[in-house]
Amino acid sequence: NYKESPKYIDMCSNPSDLTIPIMVIGGSAVGKTSICRRFVNNCFSSETHATIGIDYFSKFVCIHGHNVKLQIWDTSGPEKLHSVTRAYYRMAKCAIVVMDFDQTWNSLKSIRYFKELINDMGPMPVAIVRNKIDLTEEGNEYLTKELEELKREYDFKYFEFSAKTNTNADINEIFQYVATEAFDKYFYIIKND
């Protein structure tokens, strides 16, 4: 497992020093890009195309009074491009794992990618987002059981969300949660008195 020492920052540090890389991972067509766009631009497009490799987004948020740049890496879901995604794991400070609310096959890939991330990197702040809640009244029972098993084994925060309708969870809360957890884990603030 790759371990990084906490970074000490001065209260007067350059804001560019406060950057948190967030991996957004999951199977194909689960809505990773839509979740990123909803957070960064507060928009949704049904014309989203498959991500090839990695797409980048960024947004500044306030964490404990500090202006922090979130570097968001929207990863491709197809199996043939997964080796590219795994190469970026080492640089991530936290992750958002996206699952489809009802689609079993791609959501099981999301779970596998989550396990690979934790096995490669060790414990890190993670949110699992079960997307597309607007498409069905009840989620897939098999996936629900898989998630319950996962909760017994791993530590993560769970959200149900619709990137299309922007309902059921607050997209800002999802990103703020993983970013704040990563900030608390990887940065120590040195106060100048």
N, C-alpha and C. Protein backbone atom coordinates (compact mmCIF):
# COMPACT_ATOMS: atom_id res chain seq x y z
N ASN A 1 0.83 -1.19 0.00
CA ASN A 1 0.00 0.00 0.00
C ASN A 1 0.87 1.25 0.00
N TYR A 2 0.48 2.22 -0.81
CA TYR A 2 1.17 3.49 -0.90
C TYR A 2 0.72 4.38 0.25
N LYS A 3 1.65 4.89 1.01
CA LYS A 3 1.32 5.79 2.11
C LYS A 3 2.03 7.12 1.89
N GLU A 4 1.32 8.20 2.15
CA GLU A 4 1.90 9.52 2.00
C GLU A 4 1.87 10.23 3.33
N SER A 5 2.97 10.91 3.64
CA SER A 5 3.03 11.68 4.88
C SER A 5 2.11 12.88 4.77
N PRO A 6 1.52 13.30 5.89
CA PRO A 6 0.69 14.51 5.85
C PRO A 6 1.51 15.72 5.43
N LYS A 7 0.89 16.64 4.75
CA LYS A 7 1.56 17.85 4.28
C LYS A 7 1.25 18.96 5.28
N TYR A 8 2.30 19.60 5.79
CA TYR A 8 2.13 20.71 6.71
C TYR A 8 2.00 21.99 5.89
N ILE A 9 0.97 22.77 6.19
CA ILE A 9 0.78 24.01 5.45
C ILE A 9 0.69 25.18 6.41
N ASP A 10 1.27 26.25 6.01
CA ASP A 10 1.26 27.50 6.75
C ASP A 10 -0.07 28.20 6.49
N MET A 11 -0.59 28.92 7.44
CA MET A 11 -1.85 29.63 7.26
C MET A 11 -1.75 30.62 6.09
N CYS A 12 -0.54 31.06 5.76
CA CYS A 12 -0.35 32.02 4.68
C CYS A 12 0.04 31.33 3.38
N SER A 13 -0.13 30.03 3.30
CA SER A 13 0.26 29.27 2.12
C SER A 13 -0.46 29.77 0.87
N ASN A 14 0.21 29.59 -0.24
CA ASN A 14 -0.37 29.86 -1.54
C ASN A 14 -1.55 28.90 -1.73
N PRO A 15 -2.73 29.39 -2.15
CA PRO A 15 -3.89 28.51 -2.32
C PRO A 15 -3.65 27.35 -3.29
N SER A 16 -2.70 27.54 -4.23
CA SER A 16 -2.43 26.45 -5.17
C SER A 16 -1.82 25.24 -4.47
N ASP A 17 -1.30 25.46 -3.25
CA ASP A 17 -0.76 24.34 -2.47
C ASP A 17 -1.87 23.46 -1.93
N LEU A 18 -3.08 23.99 -1.87
CA LEU A 18 -4.19 23.26 -1.30
C LEU A 18 -5.05 22.67 -2.42
N THR A 19 -4.60 21.54 -2.91
CA THR A 19 -5.29 20.84 -3.99
C THR A 19 -5.57 19.42 -3.55
N ILE A 20 -6.80 18.99 -3.76
CA ILE A 20 -7.18 17.62 -3.41
C ILE A 20 -7.66 16.91 -4.66
N PRO A 21 -6.90 15.88 -5.10
CA PRO A 21 -7.35 15.08 -6.23
C PRO A 21 -8.42 14.08 -5.81
N ILE A 22 -9.53 14.05 -6.56
CA ILE A 22 -10.64 13.14 -6.28
C ILE A 22 -10.84 12.23 -7.49
N MET A 23 -10.76 10.93 -7.30
CA MET A 23 -11.04 9.96 -8.36
C MET A 23 -12.55 9.69 -8.37
N VAL A 24 -13.15 9.73 -9.55
CA VAL A 24 -14.54 9.33 -9.70
C VAL A 24 -14.50 8.06 -10.55
N ILE A 25 -14.80 6.92 -9.91
CA ILE A 25 -14.65 5.63 -10.58
C ILE A 25 -15.97 4.87 -10.61
N GLY A 26 -16.04 3.90 -11.50
CA GLY A 26 -17.23 3.05 -11.60
C GLY A 26 -17.32 2.40 -12.96
N GLY A 27 -18.27 1.50 -13.11
CA GLY A 27 -18.48 0.80 -14.36
C GLY A 27 -18.98 1.75 -15.45
N SER A 28 -19.12 1.21 -16.66
CA SER A 28 -19.59 1.99 -17.81
C SER A 28 -21.03 2.44 -17.61
N ALA A 29 -21.32 3.65 -18.06
CA ALA A 29 -22.69 4.17 -18.14
C ALA A 29 -23.42 4.24 -16.80
N VAL A 30 -22.68 4.41 -15.70
CA VAL A 30 -23.34 4.54 -14.40
C VAL A 30 -23.60 6.01 -14.05
N GLY A 31 -23.02 6.93 -14.83
CA GLY A 31 -23.28 8.36 -14.61
C GLY A 31 -22.15 9.14 -13.96
N LYS A 32 -20.91 8.68 -14.11
CA LYS A 32 -19.77 9.38 -13.50
C LYS A 32 -19.64 10.80 -14.05
N THR A 33 -19.65 10.93 -15.37
CA THR A 33 -19.51 12.25 -15.98
C THR A 33 -20.68 13.15 -15.61
N SER A 34 -21.87 12.61 -15.57
CA SER A 34 -23.05 13.40 -15.20
C SER A 34 -22.95 13.92 -13.77
N ILE A 35 -22.42 13.11 -12.88
CA ILE A 35 -22.24 13.55 -11.49
C ILE A 35 -21.20 14.66 -11.42
N CYS A 36 -20.10 14.52 -12.17
CA CYS A 36 -19.07 15.58 -12.19
C CYS A 36 -19.64 16.87 -12.75
N ARG A 37 -20.36 16.79 -13.85
CA ARG A 37 -20.96 17.99 -14.45
C ARG A 37 -21.99 18.63 -13.53
N ARG A 38 -22.76 17.81 -12.84
CA ARG A 38 -23.76 18.35 -11.92
C ARG A 38 -23.06 19.13 -10.81
N PHE A 39 -21.96 18.61 -10.29
CA PHE A 39 -21.24 19.29 -9.22
C PHE A 39 -20.54 20.57 -9.71
N VAL A 40 -19.82 20.47 -10.82
CA VAL A 40 -19.01 21.60 -11.29
C VAL A 40 -19.85 22.68 -11.97
N ASN A 41 -20.78 22.28 -12.83
CA ASN A 41 -21.54 23.25 -13.64
C ASN A 41 -23.03 23.31 -13.32
N ASN A 42 -23.50 22.48 -12.40
CA ASN A 42 -24.92 22.37 -12.06
C ASN A 42 -25.78 22.19 -13.31
N CYS A 43 -25.37 21.23 -14.17
CA CYS A 43 -26.14 20.96 -15.37
C CYS A 43 -26.17 19.46 -15.64
N PHE A 44 -27.07 19.06 -16.53
CA PHE A 44 -27.18 17.66 -16.95
C PHE A 44 -27.42 17.63 -18.45
N SER A 45 -26.77 16.70 -19.13
CA SER A 45 -26.99 16.50 -20.56
C SER A 45 -27.20 15.02 -20.82
N SER A 46 -28.25 14.71 -21.56
CA SER A 46 -28.48 13.30 -21.92
C SER A 46 -27.59 12.90 -23.09
N GLU A 47 -26.83 13.84 -23.62
CA GLU A 47 -25.93 13.59 -24.76
C GLU A 47 -24.50 13.28 -24.31
N THR A 48 -24.33 12.72 -23.16
CA THR A 48 -23.00 12.41 -22.65
C THR A 48 -22.43 11.21 -23.40
N HIS A 49 -21.17 11.32 -23.81
CA HIS A 49 -20.48 10.24 -24.51
C HIS A 49 -19.53 9.53 -23.54
N ALA A 50 -19.18 8.31 -23.86
CA ALA A 50 -18.28 7.53 -23.00
C ALA A 50 -16.94 8.24 -22.85
N THR A 51 -16.44 8.27 -21.62
CA THR A 51 -15.13 8.86 -21.34
C THR A 51 -14.05 7.91 -21.83
N ILE A 52 -13.07 8.46 -22.54
CA ILE A 52 -11.92 7.68 -23.00
C ILE A 52 -10.74 8.08 -22.13
N GLY A 53 -10.28 7.17 -21.29
CA GLY A 53 -9.16 7.49 -20.39
C GLY A 53 -9.65 8.27 -19.18
N ILE A 54 -9.23 9.54 -19.08
CA ILE A 54 -9.58 10.38 -17.93
C ILE A 54 -10.02 11.76 -18.44
N ASP A 55 -11.09 12.29 -17.90
CA ASP A 55 -11.48 13.69 -18.12
C ASP A 55 -11.24 14.44 -16.81
N TYR A 56 -10.94 15.71 -16.92
CA TYR A 56 -10.63 16.51 -15.75
C TYR A 56 -11.66 17.62 -15.54
N PHE A 57 -12.01 17.82 -14.29
CA PHE A 57 -12.84 18.93 -13.87
C PHE A 57 -12.15 19.55 -12.67
N SER A 58 -12.45 20.80 -12.37
CA SER A 58 -11.95 21.39 -11.14
C SER A 58 -12.95 22.40 -10.60
N LYS A 59 -12.91 22.55 -9.29
CA LYS A 59 -13.79 23.50 -8.63
C LYS A 59 -13.18 23.85 -7.27
N PHE A 60 -13.29 25.11 -6.89
CA PHE A 60 -12.81 25.53 -5.58
C PHE A 60 -13.94 25.41 -4.56
N VAL A 61 -13.60 24.92 -3.38
CA VAL A 61 -14.54 24.84 -2.26
C VAL A 61 -13.85 25.38 -1.02
N CYS A 62 -14.64 25.73 -0.04
CA CYS A 62 -14.10 26.20 1.23
C CYS A 62 -14.11 25.04 2.23
N ILE A 63 -12.94 24.75 2.80
CA ILE A 63 -12.83 23.71 3.82
C ILE A 63 -12.11 24.32 5.02
N HIS A 64 -12.77 24.34 6.15
CA HIS A 64 -12.21 24.91 7.38
C HIS A 64 -11.63 26.31 7.15
N GLY A 65 -12.32 27.11 6.34
CA GLY A 65 -11.88 28.48 6.07
C GLY A 65 -10.80 28.61 5.02
N HIS A 66 -10.42 27.52 4.38
CA HIS A 66 -9.38 27.55 3.35
C HIS A 66 -10.00 27.32 1.98
N ASN A 67 -9.50 28.07 0.99
CA ASN A 67 -9.93 27.90 -0.39
C ASN A 67 -9.16 26.71 -0.97
N VAL A 68 -9.85 25.63 -1.27
CA VAL A 68 -9.19 24.39 -1.71
C VAL A 68 -9.67 24.04 -3.11
N LYS A 69 -8.71 23.74 -3.97
CA LYS A 69 -9.03 23.34 -5.34
C LYS A 69 -9.26 21.83 -5.37
N LEU A 70 -10.43 21.42 -5.84
CA LEU A 70 -10.70 20.00 -6.04
C LEU A 70 -10.36 19.68 -7.49
N GLN A 71 -9.44 18.76 -7.66
CA GLN A 71 -9.05 18.27 -8.98
C GLN A 71 -9.81 16.97 -9.17
N ILE A 72 -10.81 16.98 -10.03
CA ILE A 72 -11.72 15.84 -10.16
C ILE A 72 -11.36 15.05 -11.41
N TRP A 73 -11.05 13.78 -11.22
CA TRP A 73 -10.67 12.90 -12.33
C TRP A 73 -11.82 11.97 -12.63
N ASP A 74 -12.48 12.24 -13.74
CA ASP A 74 -13.61 11.44 -14.21
C ASP A 74 -13.02 10.31 -15.06
N THR A 75 -13.13 9.09 -14.59
CA THR A 75 -12.45 7.97 -15.23
C THR A 75 -13.37 7.20 -16.18
N SER A 76 -12.75 6.50 -17.11
CA SER A 76 -13.53 5.68 -18.04
C SER A 76 -13.95 4.39 -17.36
N GLY A 77 -15.09 3.87 -17.75
CA GLY A 77 -15.62 2.65 -17.14
C GLY A 77 -15.29 1.37 -17.87
N PRO A 78 -15.07 1.42 -19.22
CA PRO A 78 -14.84 0.16 -19.94
C PRO A 78 -13.62 -0.60 -19.44
N GLU A 79 -13.76 -1.89 -19.39
CA GLU A 79 -12.70 -2.78 -18.91
C GLU A 79 -11.39 -2.58 -19.65
N LYS A 80 -11.45 -2.39 -20.97
CA LYS A 80 -10.23 -2.27 -21.77
C LYS A 80 -9.42 -1.02 -21.42
N LEU A 81 -10.05 -0.02 -20.80
CA LEU A 81 -9.34 1.21 -20.42
C LEU A 81 -9.05 1.27 -18.91
N HIS A 82 -9.38 0.22 -18.21
CA HIS A 82 -9.24 0.25 -16.75
C HIS A 82 -7.79 0.37 -16.29
N SER A 83 -6.84 -0.15 -17.06
CA SER A 83 -5.43 -0.05 -16.66
C SER A 83 -4.98 1.41 -16.63
N VAL A 84 -5.54 2.25 -17.51
CA VAL A 84 -5.23 3.69 -17.49
C VAL A 84 -5.73 4.30 -16.19
N THR A 85 -6.94 3.96 -15.81
CA THR A 85 -7.54 4.48 -14.58
C THR A 85 -6.72 4.07 -13.36
N ARG A 86 -6.33 2.81 -13.29
CA ARG A 86 -5.58 2.32 -12.13
C ARG A 86 -4.25 3.05 -11.95
N ALA A 87 -3.67 3.52 -13.05
CA ALA A 87 -2.41 4.26 -12.97
C ALA A 87 -2.57 5.56 -12.18
N TYR A 88 -3.79 6.09 -12.12
CA TYR A 88 -4.04 7.34 -11.41
C TYR A 88 -4.36 7.13 -9.92
N TYR A 89 -4.65 5.91 -9.52
CA TYR A 89 -5.02 5.65 -8.13
C TYR A 89 -4.01 6.24 -7.15
N ARG A 90 -2.74 6.12 -7.46
CA ARG A 90 -1.67 6.52 -6.54
C ARG A 90 -1.72 8.01 -6.20
N MET A 91 -2.26 8.80 -7.10
CA MET A 91 -2.29 10.25 -6.88
C MET A 91 -3.56 10.71 -6.16
N ALA A 92 -4.54 9.85 -6.04
CA ALA A 92 -5.82 10.24 -5.45
C ALA A 92 -5.72 10.37 -3.93
N LYS A 93 -6.45 11.33 -3.39
CA LYS A 93 -6.54 11.50 -1.93
C LYS A 93 -7.88 10.99 -1.41
N CYS A 94 -8.85 10.86 -2.32
CA CYS A 94 -10.18 10.37 -1.95
C CYS A 94 -10.89 9.94 -3.23
N ALA A 95 -12.04 9.31 -3.06
CA ALA A 95 -12.73 8.79 -4.25
C ALA A 95 -14.24 8.84 -4.08
N ILE A 96 -14.89 8.94 -5.22
CA ILE A 96 -16.34 8.78 -5.31
C ILE A 96 -16.56 7.61 -6.26
N VAL A 97 -17.23 6.59 -5.75
CA VAL A 97 -17.53 5.39 -6.54
C VAL A 97 -18.99 5.49 -6.95
N VAL A 98 -19.23 5.44 -8.27
CA VAL A 98 -20.58 5.62 -8.78
C VAL A 98 -21.14 4.28 -9.24
N MET A 99 -22.37 4.00 -8.83
CA MET A 99 -23.10 2.81 -9.24
C MET A 99 -24.42 3.24 -9.86
N ASP A 100 -24.93 2.43 -10.75
CA ASP A 100 -26.27 2.64 -11.29
C ASP A 100 -27.25 2.09 -10.26
N PHE A 101 -28.37 2.74 -10.07
CA PHE A 101 -29.32 2.31 -9.05
C PHE A 101 -29.87 0.91 -9.31
N ASP A 102 -29.97 0.54 -10.57
CA ASP A 102 -30.63 -0.73 -10.88
C ASP A 102 -29.81 -1.67 -11.76
N GLN A 103 -28.81 -1.17 -12.45
CA GLN A 103 -28.07 -1.96 -13.43
C GLN A 103 -27.01 -2.83 -12.75
N THR A 104 -27.22 -4.11 -12.72
CA THR A 104 -26.37 -5.00 -11.95
C THR A 104 -24.95 -5.11 -12.48
N TRP A 105 -24.76 -5.42 -13.74
CA TRP A 105 -23.42 -5.73 -14.26
C TRP A 105 -22.44 -4.57 -14.06
N ASN A 106 -22.79 -3.36 -14.52
CA ASN A 106 -21.88 -2.23 -14.39
C ASN A 106 -21.70 -1.80 -12.94
N SER A 107 -22.71 -1.98 -12.13
CA SER A 107 -22.58 -1.63 -10.72
C SER A 107 -21.67 -2.62 -9.99
N LEU A 108 -21.70 -3.87 -10.38
CA LEU A 108 -20.77 -4.85 -9.79
C LEU A 108 -19.33 -4.50 -10.18
N LYS A 109 -19.14 -3.97 -11.38
CA LYS A 109 -17.80 -3.50 -11.77
C LYS A 109 -17.38 -2.34 -10.87
N SER A 110 -18.32 -1.45 -10.55
CA SER A 110 -18.02 -0.34 -9.65
C SER A 110 -17.52 -0.86 -8.30
N ILE A 111 -18.18 -1.89 -7.79
CA ILE A 111 -17.76 -2.48 -6.51
C ILE A 111 -16.36 -3.07 -6.64
N ARG A 112 -16.11 -3.76 -7.76
CA ARG A 112 -14.77 -4.33 -7.96
C ARG A 112 -13.71 -3.23 -8.02
N TYR A 113 -13.98 -2.14 -8.74
CA TYR A 113 -13.03 -1.04 -8.84
C TYR A 113 -12.78 -0.42 -7.45
N PHE A 114 -13.83 -0.30 -6.65
CA PHE A 114 -13.69 0.21 -5.28
C PHE A 114 -12.74 -0.68 -4.48
N LYS A 115 -12.93 -1.99 -4.53
CA LYS A 115 -12.07 -2.91 -3.79
C LYS A 115 -10.62 -2.82 -4.27
N GLU A 116 -10.41 -2.69 -5.58
CA GLU A 116 -9.05 -2.54 -6.12
C GLU A 116 -8.41 -1.26 -5.58
N LEU A 117 -9.16 -0.17 -5.57
CA LEU A 117 -8.65 1.10 -5.08
C LEU A 117 -8.19 0.97 -3.63
N ILE A 118 -9.03 0.40 -2.78
CA ILE A 118 -8.68 0.26 -1.36
C ILE A 118 -7.52 -0.72 -1.18
N ASN A 119 -7.49 -1.81 -1.95
CA ASN A 119 -6.38 -2.75 -1.86
C ASN A 119 -5.08 -2.13 -2.33
N ASP A 120 -5.14 -1.28 -3.37
CA ASP A 120 -3.93 -0.62 -3.87
C ASP A 120 -3.46 0.50 -2.94
N MET A 121 -4.38 1.25 -2.39
CA MET A 121 -4.05 2.48 -1.67
C MET A 121 -4.21 2.40 -0.15
N GLY A 122 -4.94 1.44 0.34
CA GLY A 122 -5.25 1.42 1.76
C GLY A 122 -6.45 2.31 2.02
N PRO A 123 -6.84 2.43 3.30
CA PRO A 123 -8.03 3.23 3.62
C PRO A 123 -7.89 4.68 3.14
N MET A 124 -8.94 5.18 2.55
CA MET A 124 -9.00 6.58 2.12
C MET A 124 -10.46 7.02 2.18
N PRO A 125 -10.70 8.32 2.23
CA PRO A 125 -12.09 8.79 2.23
C PRO A 125 -12.81 8.40 0.94
N VAL A 126 -13.96 7.73 1.08
CA VAL A 126 -14.72 7.26 -0.08
C VAL A 126 -16.21 7.51 0.15
N ALA A 127 -16.87 7.95 -0.91
CA ALA A 127 -18.33 8.01 -0.93
C ALA A 127 -18.79 7.10 -2.06
N ILE A 128 -19.76 6.25 -1.78
CA ILE A 128 -20.39 5.46 -2.83
C ILE A 128 -21.72 6.12 -3.15
N VAL A 129 -21.89 6.44 -4.44
CA VAL A 129 -23.09 7.13 -4.90
C VAL A 129 -23.87 6.19 -5.82
N ARG A 130 -25.05 5.86 -5.41
CA ARG A 130 -25.93 5.03 -6.23
C ARG A 130 -26.79 6.00 -7.04
N ASN A 131 -26.42 6.17 -8.30
CA ASN A 131 -27.00 7.18 -9.19
C ASN A 131 -28.24 6.65 -9.92
N LYS A 132 -28.96 7.54 -10.55
CA LYS A 132 -30.14 7.25 -11.38
C LYS A 132 -31.33 6.78 -10.56
N ILE A 133 -31.46 7.32 -9.36
CA ILE A 133 -32.59 6.96 -8.51
C ILE A 133 -33.91 7.39 -9.14
N ASP A 134 -33.85 8.34 -10.06
CA ASP A 134 -35.08 8.82 -10.73
C ASP A 134 -35.70 7.78 -11.66
N LEU A 135 -34.95 6.74 -12.02
CA LEU A 135 -35.43 5.76 -12.99
C LEU A 135 -36.26 4.63 -12.40
N THR A 136 -36.25 4.49 -11.10
CA THR A 136 -36.95 3.35 -10.50
C THR A 136 -37.40 3.67 -9.09
N GLU A 137 -38.47 3.05 -8.68
CA GLU A 137 -38.97 3.20 -7.31
C GLU A 137 -38.11 2.42 -6.32
N GLU A 138 -37.74 1.21 -6.72
CA GLU A 138 -36.96 0.35 -5.83
C GLU A 138 -35.67 -0.05 -6.53
N GLY A 139 -34.58 -0.08 -5.78
CA GLY A 139 -33.31 -0.50 -6.33
C GLY A 139 -33.25 -2.00 -6.50
N ASN A 140 -32.27 -2.43 -7.22
CA ASN A 140 -32.02 -3.85 -7.45
C ASN A 140 -31.71 -4.52 -6.12
N GLU A 141 -32.47 -5.54 -5.77
CA GLU A 141 -32.32 -6.22 -4.48
C GLU A 141 -30.95 -6.86 -4.32
N TYR A 142 -30.42 -7.45 -5.41
CA TYR A 142 -29.11 -8.08 -5.36
C TYR A 142 -28.03 -7.05 -5.04
N LEU A 143 -28.09 -5.88 -5.71
CA LEU A 143 -27.11 -4.81 -5.45
C LEU A 143 -27.22 -4.29 -4.02
N THR A 144 -28.44 -4.20 -3.52
CA THR A 144 -28.64 -3.75 -2.14
C THR A 144 -27.94 -4.70 -1.17
N LYS A 145 -28.06 -6.00 -1.40
CA LYS A 145 -27.37 -6.98 -0.55
C LYS A 145 -25.86 -6.87 -0.68
N GLU A 146 -25.36 -6.66 -1.90
CA GLU A 146 -23.92 -6.49 -2.13
C GLU A 146 -23.39 -5.28 -1.36
N LEU A 147 -24.15 -4.20 -1.37
CA LEU A 147 -23.74 -2.99 -0.64
C LEU A 147 -23.73 -3.23 0.86
N GLU A 148 -24.70 -3.97 1.36
CA GLU A 148 -24.72 -4.29 2.79
C GLU A 148 -23.49 -5.10 3.19
N GLU A 149 -23.10 -6.05 2.34
CA GLU A 149 -21.88 -6.83 2.57
C GLU A 149 -20.66 -5.91 2.59
N LEU A 150 -20.61 -5.00 1.62
CA LEU A 150 -19.49 -4.07 1.50
C LEU A 150 -19.37 -3.19 2.74
N LYS A 151 -20.51 -2.74 3.27
CA LYS A 151 -20.51 -1.88 4.47
C LYS A 151 -19.92 -2.60 5.67
N ARG A 152 -20.11 -3.91 5.75
CA ARG A 152 -19.55 -4.67 6.87
C ARG A 152 -18.03 -4.77 6.79
N GLU A 153 -17.51 -4.68 5.56
CA GLU A 153 -16.07 -4.89 5.35
C GLU A 153 -15.27 -3.59 5.23
N TYR A 154 -15.90 -2.54 4.69
CA TYR A 154 -15.18 -1.30 4.39
C TYR A 154 -15.89 -0.10 5.01
N ASP A 155 -15.11 0.98 5.15
CA ASP A 155 -15.65 2.23 5.69
C ASP A 155 -15.89 3.20 4.53
N PHE A 156 -17.13 3.61 4.33
CA PHE A 156 -17.46 4.59 3.31
C PHE A 156 -18.79 5.24 3.66
N LYS A 157 -19.04 6.39 3.03
CA LYS A 157 -20.33 7.06 3.20
C LYS A 157 -21.16 6.75 1.95
N TYR A 158 -22.45 6.53 2.14
CA TYR A 158 -23.33 6.10 1.06
C TYR A 158 -24.38 7.15 0.76
N PHE A 159 -24.59 7.40 -0.54
CA PHE A 159 -25.61 8.36 -0.99
C PHE A 159 -26.42 7.73 -2.12
N GLU A 160 -27.70 8.07 -2.19
CA GLU A 160 -28.54 7.75 -3.35
C GLU A 160 -28.87 9.08 -4.01
N PHE A 161 -28.73 9.13 -5.35
CA PHE A 161 -28.77 10.42 -6.03
C PHE A 161 -29.27 10.27 -7.47
N SER A 162 -29.76 11.35 -8.02
CA SER A 162 -30.06 11.44 -9.45
C SER A 162 -29.34 12.65 -10.02
N ALA A 163 -28.34 12.40 -10.86
CA ALA A 163 -27.64 13.51 -11.52
C ALA A 163 -28.57 14.23 -12.48
N LYS A 164 -29.52 13.50 -13.03
CA LYS A 164 -30.46 14.09 -13.99
C LYS A 164 -31.38 15.11 -13.32
N THR A 165 -32.03 14.70 -12.24
CA THR A 165 -33.00 15.58 -11.58
C THR A 165 -32.41 16.34 -10.39
N ASN A 166 -31.16 16.03 -10.04
CA ASN A 166 -30.47 16.67 -8.91
C ASN A 166 -31.29 16.52 -7.62
N THR A 167 -31.74 15.28 -7.38
CA THR A 167 -32.58 15.03 -6.21
C THR A 167 -32.06 13.89 -5.35
N ASN A 168 -32.61 13.84 -4.17
CA ASN A 168 -32.43 12.80 -3.16
C ASN A 168 -31.18 12.98 -2.31
N ALA A 169 -30.18 13.67 -2.81
CA ALA A 169 -28.98 13.98 -2.03
C ALA A 169 -28.47 15.32 -2.56
N ASP A 170 -27.64 15.97 -1.78
CA ASP A 170 -27.04 17.23 -2.20
C ASP A 170 -25.68 16.92 -2.82
N ILE A 171 -25.53 17.20 -4.12
CA ILE A 171 -24.27 16.89 -4.81
C ILE A 171 -23.09 17.59 -4.16
N ASN A 172 -23.32 18.81 -3.65
CA ASN A 172 -22.23 19.53 -2.97
C ASN A 172 -21.82 18.79 -1.69
N GLU A 173 -22.78 18.23 -0.99
CA GLU A 173 -22.48 17.48 0.23
C GLU A 173 -21.61 16.26 -0.07
N ILE A 174 -21.87 15.60 -1.18
CA ILE A 174 -21.10 14.40 -1.55
C ILE A 174 -19.63 14.76 -1.75
N PHE A 175 -19.37 15.76 -2.59
CA PHE A 175 -17.99 16.16 -2.85
C PHE A 175 -17.34 16.80 -1.64
N GLN A 176 -18.11 17.61 -0.91
CA GLN A 176 -17.58 18.26 0.29
C GLN A 176 -17.18 17.22 1.33
N TYR A 177 -17.96 16.17 1.45
CA TYR A 177 -17.65 15.11 2.42
C TYR A 177 -16.28 14.50 2.14
N VAL A 178 -16.06 13.99 0.91
CA VAL A 178 -14.78 13.33 0.64
C VAL A 178 -13.62 14.31 0.69
N ALA A 179 -13.85 15.54 0.22
CA ALA A 179 -12.78 16.54 0.23
C ALA A 179 -12.40 16.93 1.66
N THR A 180 -13.38 17.12 2.53
CA THR A 180 -13.09 17.49 3.92
C THR A 180 -12.38 16.35 4.65
N GLU A 181 -12.84 15.12 4.42
CA GLU A 181 -12.17 13.97 5.03
C GLU A 181 -10.72 13.87 4.56
N ALA A 182 -10.48 14.10 3.27
CA ALA A 182 -9.11 14.06 2.73
C ALA A 182 -8.28 15.21 3.29
N PHE A 183 -8.87 16.40 3.38
CA PHE A 183 -8.16 17.55 3.94
C PHE A 183 -7.71 17.25 5.36
N ASP A 184 -8.63 16.72 6.17
CA ASP A 184 -8.31 16.40 7.56
C ASP A 184 -7.25 15.31 7.67
N LYS A 185 -7.20 14.43 6.71
CA LYS A 185 -6.24 13.32 6.73
C LYS A 185 -4.86 13.74 6.21
N TYR A 186 -4.82 14.60 5.19
CA TYR A 186 -3.56 14.87 4.50
C TYR A 186 -2.94 16.24 4.75
N PHE A 187 -3.65 17.16 5.40
CA PHE A 187 -3.09 18.49 5.64
C PHE A 187 -3.12 18.80 7.13
N TYR A 188 -2.04 19.38 7.63
CA TYR A 188 -1.98 19.92 8.99
C TYR A 188 -1.74 21.41 8.85
N ILE A 189 -2.55 22.19 9.52
CA ILE A 189 -2.44 23.63 9.43
C ILE A 189 -1.51 24.14 10.52
N ILE A 190 -0.52 24.93 10.13
CA ILE A 190 0.39 25.56 11.08
C ILE A 190 -0.08 26.99 11.23
N LYS A 191 -0.49 27.35 12.43
CA LYS A 191 -0.98 28.72 12.68
C LYS A 191 0.18 29.61 13.06
N ASN A 192 0.24 30.77 12.40
CA ASN A 192 1.27 31.77 12.71
C ASN A 192 0.70 32.76 13.70
N ASP A 193 1.26 32.80 14.90
CA ASP A 193 0.76 33.73 15.92
C ASP A 193 1.66 34.93 16.01
